[in-house]
Amino acid sequence: MPSLRSDGPGYANFAITEPPLKLVLLENPGQSGSLNHLGVEVAGTGAVDAEQTRLAAAGLAVADERDTTCCHAKQDKFWVKDAPDGESWEFYTVLEDSATFYGQDDSQACCGGLAGSSAETGAGAACC
């Protein structure tokens, strides 16, 4: 049975164990488009490192983000920029849960300031 996590208004996180699948929905009032980014959750920081090395070697630009809090979780992650179809890819592992969306002060930008980030379009726009 899927689990549902809803830690605040405008946020829902559905997870299925087998096969491993996660769907996170965020309200994004006033924004166009139906897909913000694709995320791949991996087992640990070692797997994040291995995927980052592999994708960088394949010529994809990556942006590192470590020990960051976003989407109710402290994470180690990286982003693939300029993917073949223009979407952003996020590879991450959850280090621990967070009671707030962004972290202690709940005011920082999320997801490394990628296009559509909270600094440009409103809280949570480019996040998890």
C-alpha atoms as a PDB file:
ATOM      1  CA  MET A   1       0.000   0.000   0.000  1.00  0.00           C
ATOM      2  CA  PRO A   2       1.346   3.462  -0.835  1.00  0.00           C
ATOM      3  CA  SER A   3       2.205   5.838   1.959  1.00  0.00           C
ATOM      4  CA  LEU A   4       1.073   9.469   1.892  1.00  0.00           C
ATOM      5  CA  ARG A   5       2.939  12.267   3.569  1.00  0.00           C
ATOM      6  CA  SER A   6       1.384  15.722   3.681  1.00  0.00           C
ATOM      7  CA  ASP A   7       3.389  18.102   5.845  1.00  0.00           C
ATOM      8  CA  GLY A   8       1.566  21.281   4.976  1.00  0.00           C
ATOM      9  CA  PRO A   9      -0.801  22.977   2.597  1.00  0.00           C
ATOM     10  CA  GLY A  10      -0.054  22.485  -1.073  1.00  0.00           C
ATOM     11  CA  TYR A  11       2.274  19.486  -0.580  1.00  0.00           C
ATOM     12  CA  ALA A  12       1.622  15.743  -0.951  1.00  0.00           C
ATOM     13  CA  ASN A  13       4.231  12.966  -1.146  1.00  0.00           C
ATOM     14  CA  PHE A  14       3.127   9.477  -2.249  1.00  0.00           C
ATOM     15  CA  ALA A  15       5.590   6.571  -2.005  1.00  0.00           C
ATOM     16  CA  ILE A  16       5.363   2.943  -3.124  1.00  0.00           C
ATOM     17  CA  THR A  17       7.989   0.407  -2.007  1.00  0.00           C
ATOM     18  CA  GLU A  18       7.640  -2.207  -4.774  1.00  0.00           C
ATOM     19  CA  PRO A  19       8.326  -1.152  -7.407  1.00  0.00           C
ATOM     20  CA  PRO A  20      10.079   1.873  -5.895  1.00  0.00           C
ATOM     21  CA  LEU A  21       8.113   4.910  -7.042  1.00  0.00           C
ATOM     22  CA  LYS A  22       7.510   8.328  -5.585  1.00  0.00           C
ATOM     23  CA  LEU A  23       5.163  11.073  -6.743  1.00  0.00           C
ATOM     24  CA  VAL A  24       5.349  14.492  -5.115  1.00  0.00           C
ATOM     25  CA  LEU A  25       2.718  17.089  -5.921  1.00  0.00           C
ATOM     26  CA  LEU A  26       3.136  20.775  -5.107  1.00  0.00           C
ATOM     27  CA  GLU A  27       0.707  23.582  -5.695  1.00  0.00           C
ATOM     28  CA  ASN A  28       2.242  26.181  -7.953  1.00  0.00           C
ATOM     29  CA  PRO A  29      -0.354  28.932  -8.398  1.00  0.00           C
ATOM     30  CA  GLY A  30       0.129  31.193 -11.384  1.00  0.00           C
ATOM     31  CA  GLN A  31       2.752  29.012 -13.057  1.00  0.00           C
ATOM     32  CA  SER A  32       2.357  27.318 -16.412  1.00  0.00           C
ATOM     33  CA  GLY A  33       3.499  23.850 -17.383  1.00  0.00           C
ATOM     34  CA  SER A  34       2.712  20.491 -15.909  1.00  0.00           C
ATOM     35  CA  LEU A  35       6.180  19.083 -15.129  1.00  0.00           C
ATOM     36  CA  ASN A  36       8.660  20.911 -12.941  1.00  0.00           C
ATOM     37  CA  HIS A  37      11.410  18.297 -12.700  1.00  0.00           C
ATOM     38  CA  LEU A  38      12.104  14.582 -12.386  1.00  0.00           C
ATOM     39  CA  GLY A  39      13.630  13.177  -9.221  1.00  0.00           C
ATOM     40  CA  VAL A  40      15.444   9.919  -8.583  1.00  0.00           C
ATOM     41  CA  GLU A  41      15.818   8.904  -4.938  1.00  0.00           C
ATOM     42  CA  VAL A  42      18.771   6.604  -4.262  1.00  0.00           C
ATOM     43  CA  ALA A  43      19.818   4.602  -1.205  1.00  0.00           C
ATOM     44  CA  GLY A  44      22.616   6.809   0.134  1.00  0.00           C
ATOM     45  CA  THR A  45      25.269   9.446  -0.485  1.00  0.00           C
ATOM     46  CA  GLY A  46      27.558   6.841  -2.105  1.00  0.00           C
ATOM     47  CA  ALA A  47      24.884   6.185  -4.728  1.00  0.00           C
ATOM     48  CA  VAL A  48      24.446   9.945  -5.262  1.00  0.00           C
ATOM     49  CA  ASP A  49      28.213  10.215  -5.837  1.00  0.00           C
ATOM     50  CA  ALA A  50      28.267   7.270  -8.251  1.00  0.00           C
ATOM     51  CA  GLU A  51      25.380   8.635 -10.339  1.00  0.00           C
ATOM     52  CA  GLN A  52      26.908  12.113 -10.399  1.00  0.00           C
ATOM     53  CA  THR A  53      30.224  10.705 -11.666  1.00  0.00           C
ATOM     54  CA  ARG A  54      28.478   8.549 -14.273  1.00  0.00           C
ATOM     55  CA  LEU A  55      26.296  11.343 -15.660  1.00  0.00           C
ATOM     56  CA  ALA A  56      29.116  13.907 -15.685  1.00  0.00           C
ATOM     57  CA  ALA A  57      31.274  11.414 -17.618  1.00  0.00           C
ATOM     58  CA  ALA A  58      28.417  11.121 -20.147  1.00  0.00           C
ATOM     59  CA  GLY A  59      28.703  14.858 -20.767  1.00  0.00           C
ATOM     60  CA  LEU A  60      25.701  16.072 -18.791  1.00  0.00           C
ATOM     61  CA  ALA A  61      26.197  19.230 -16.724  1.00  0.00           C
ATOM     62  CA  VAL A  62      25.614  18.631 -13.030  1.00  0.00           C
ATOM     63  CA  ALA A  63      25.163  21.020 -10.093  1.00  0.00           C
ATOM     64  CA  ASP A  64      26.094  19.684  -6.655  1.00  0.00           C
ATOM     65  CA  GLU A  65      23.884  20.359  -3.608  1.00  0.00           C
ATOM     66  CA  ARG A  66      24.906  18.704  -0.329  1.00  0.00           C
ATOM     67  CA  ASP A  67      23.494  18.873   3.185  1.00  0.00           C
ATOM     68  CA  THR A  68      20.540  20.943   2.023  1.00  0.00           C
ATOM     69  CA  THR A  69      17.007  21.004   3.394  1.00  0.00           C
ATOM     70  CA  CYS A  70      14.172  21.036   0.911  1.00  0.00           C
ATOM     71  CA  CYS A  71      10.706  19.484   0.738  1.00  0.00           C
ATOM     72  CA  HIS A  72      10.613  18.467   4.405  1.00  0.00           C
ATOM     73  CA  ALA A  73      13.908  16.538   4.179  1.00  0.00           C
ATOM     74  CA  LYS A  74      17.620  17.123   4.693  1.00  0.00           C
ATOM     75  CA  GLN A  75      19.272  15.761   1.538  1.00  0.00           C
ATOM     76  CA  ASP A  76      22.475  15.173  -0.383  1.00  0.00           C
ATOM     77  CA  LYS A  77      21.720  15.682  -4.074  1.00  0.00           C
ATOM     78  CA  PHE A  78      22.798  16.919  -7.449  1.00  0.00           C
ATOM     79  CA  TRP A  79      20.941  18.261 -10.457  1.00  0.00           C
ATOM     80  CA  VAL A  80      21.359  17.418 -14.124  1.00  0.00           C
ATOM     81  CA  LYS A  81      21.013  20.587 -16.165  1.00  0.00           C
ATOM     82  CA  ASP A  82      20.324  20.827 -19.886  1.00  0.00           C
ATOM     83  CA  ALA A  83      18.933  17.295 -20.214  1.00  0.00           C
ATOM     84  CA  PRO A  84      18.072  16.240 -23.772  1.00  0.00           C
ATOM     85  CA  ASP A  85      14.412  17.279 -23.478  1.00  0.00           C
ATOM     86  CA  GLY A  86      15.105  20.387 -21.376  1.00  0.00           C
ATOM     87  CA  GLU A  87      13.779  19.015 -18.090  1.00  0.00           C
ATOM     88  CA  SER A  88      15.759  19.095 -14.839  1.00  0.00           C
ATOM     89  CA  TRP A  89      16.721  15.816 -13.146  1.00  0.00           C
ATOM     90  CA  GLU A  90      17.343  15.623  -9.407  1.00  0.00           C
ATOM     91  CA  PHE A  91      19.281  12.675  -7.923  1.00  0.00           C
ATOM     92  CA  TYR A  92      19.070  12.652  -4.128  1.00  0.00           C
ATOM     93  CA  THR A  93      19.114  10.737  -0.885  1.00  0.00           C
ATOM     94  CA  VAL A  94      17.214  11.706   2.248  1.00  0.00           C
ATOM     95  CA  LEU A  95      19.507  12.100   5.255  1.00  0.00           C
ATOM     96  CA  GLU A  96      16.735  12.912   7.739  1.00  0.00           C
ATOM     97  CA  ASP A  97      13.232  14.363   7.859  1.00  0.00           C
ATOM     98  CA  SER A  98      12.635  18.054   8.512  1.00  0.00           C
ATOM     99  CA  ALA A  99       9.631  19.526  10.304  1.00  0.00           C
ATOM    100  CA  THR A 100       9.655  22.474   7.886  1.00  0.00           C
ATOM    101  CA  PHE A 101       9.747  22.672   4.100  1.00  0.00           C
ATOM    102  CA  TYR A 102      13.114  24.469   3.775  1.00  0.00           C
ATOM    103  CA  GLY A 103      14.796  23.870   7.125  1.00  0.00           C
ATOM    104  CA  GLN A 104      15.209  25.686  10.408  1.00  0.00           C
ATOM    105  CA  ASP A 105      14.129  29.158   9.328  1.00  0.00           C
ATOM    106  CA  ASP A 106      11.809  27.944   6.530  1.00  0.00           C
ATOM    107  CA  SER A 107      12.810  30.914   4.371  1.00  0.00           C
ATOM    108  CA  GLN A 108      15.737  29.803   2.198  1.00  0.00           C
ATOM    109  CA  ALA A 109      15.491  29.098  -1.512  1.00  0.00           C
ATOM    110  CA  CYS A 110      15.065  25.450  -2.369  1.00  0.00           C
ATOM    111  CA  CYS A 111      16.666  23.235  -4.979  1.00  0.00           C
ATOM    112  CA  GLY A 112      19.788  25.213  -5.797  1.00  0.00           C
ATOM    113  CA  GLY A 113      18.208  28.184  -7.511  1.00  0.00           C
ATOM    114  CA  LEU A 114      17.342  26.378 -10.727  1.00  0.00           C
ATOM    115  CA  ALA A 115      14.990  28.040 -13.189  1.00  0.00           C
ATOM    116  CA  GLY A 116      11.642  28.330 -11.469  1.00  0.00           C
ATOM    117  CA  SER A 117      13.113  28.346  -7.963  1.00  0.00           C
ATOM    118  CA  SER A 118      11.444  30.063  -5.045  1.00  0.00           C
ATOM    119  CA  ALA A 119      13.539  33.180  -5.595  1.00  0.00           C
ATOM    120  CA  GLU A 120      12.019  33.548  -9.060  1.00  0.00           C
ATOM    121  CA  THR A 121       8.472  32.234  -8.854  1.00  0.00           C
ATOM    122  CA  GLY A 122       7.316  31.717  -5.281  1.00  0.00           C
ATOM    123  CA  ALA A 123       8.032  29.236  -2.505  1.00  0.00           C
ATOM    124  CA  GLY A 124       8.656  25.684  -3.532  1.00  0.00           C
ATOM    125  CA  ALA A 125       8.309  26.252  -7.262  1.00  0.00           C
ATOM    126  CA  ALA A 126      11.326  24.177  -8.269  1.00  0.00           C
ATOM    127  CA  CYS A 127      11.476  21.806  -5.400  1.00  0.00           C
ATOM    128  CA  CYS A 128      11.192  18.122  -4.836  1.00  0.00           C
END
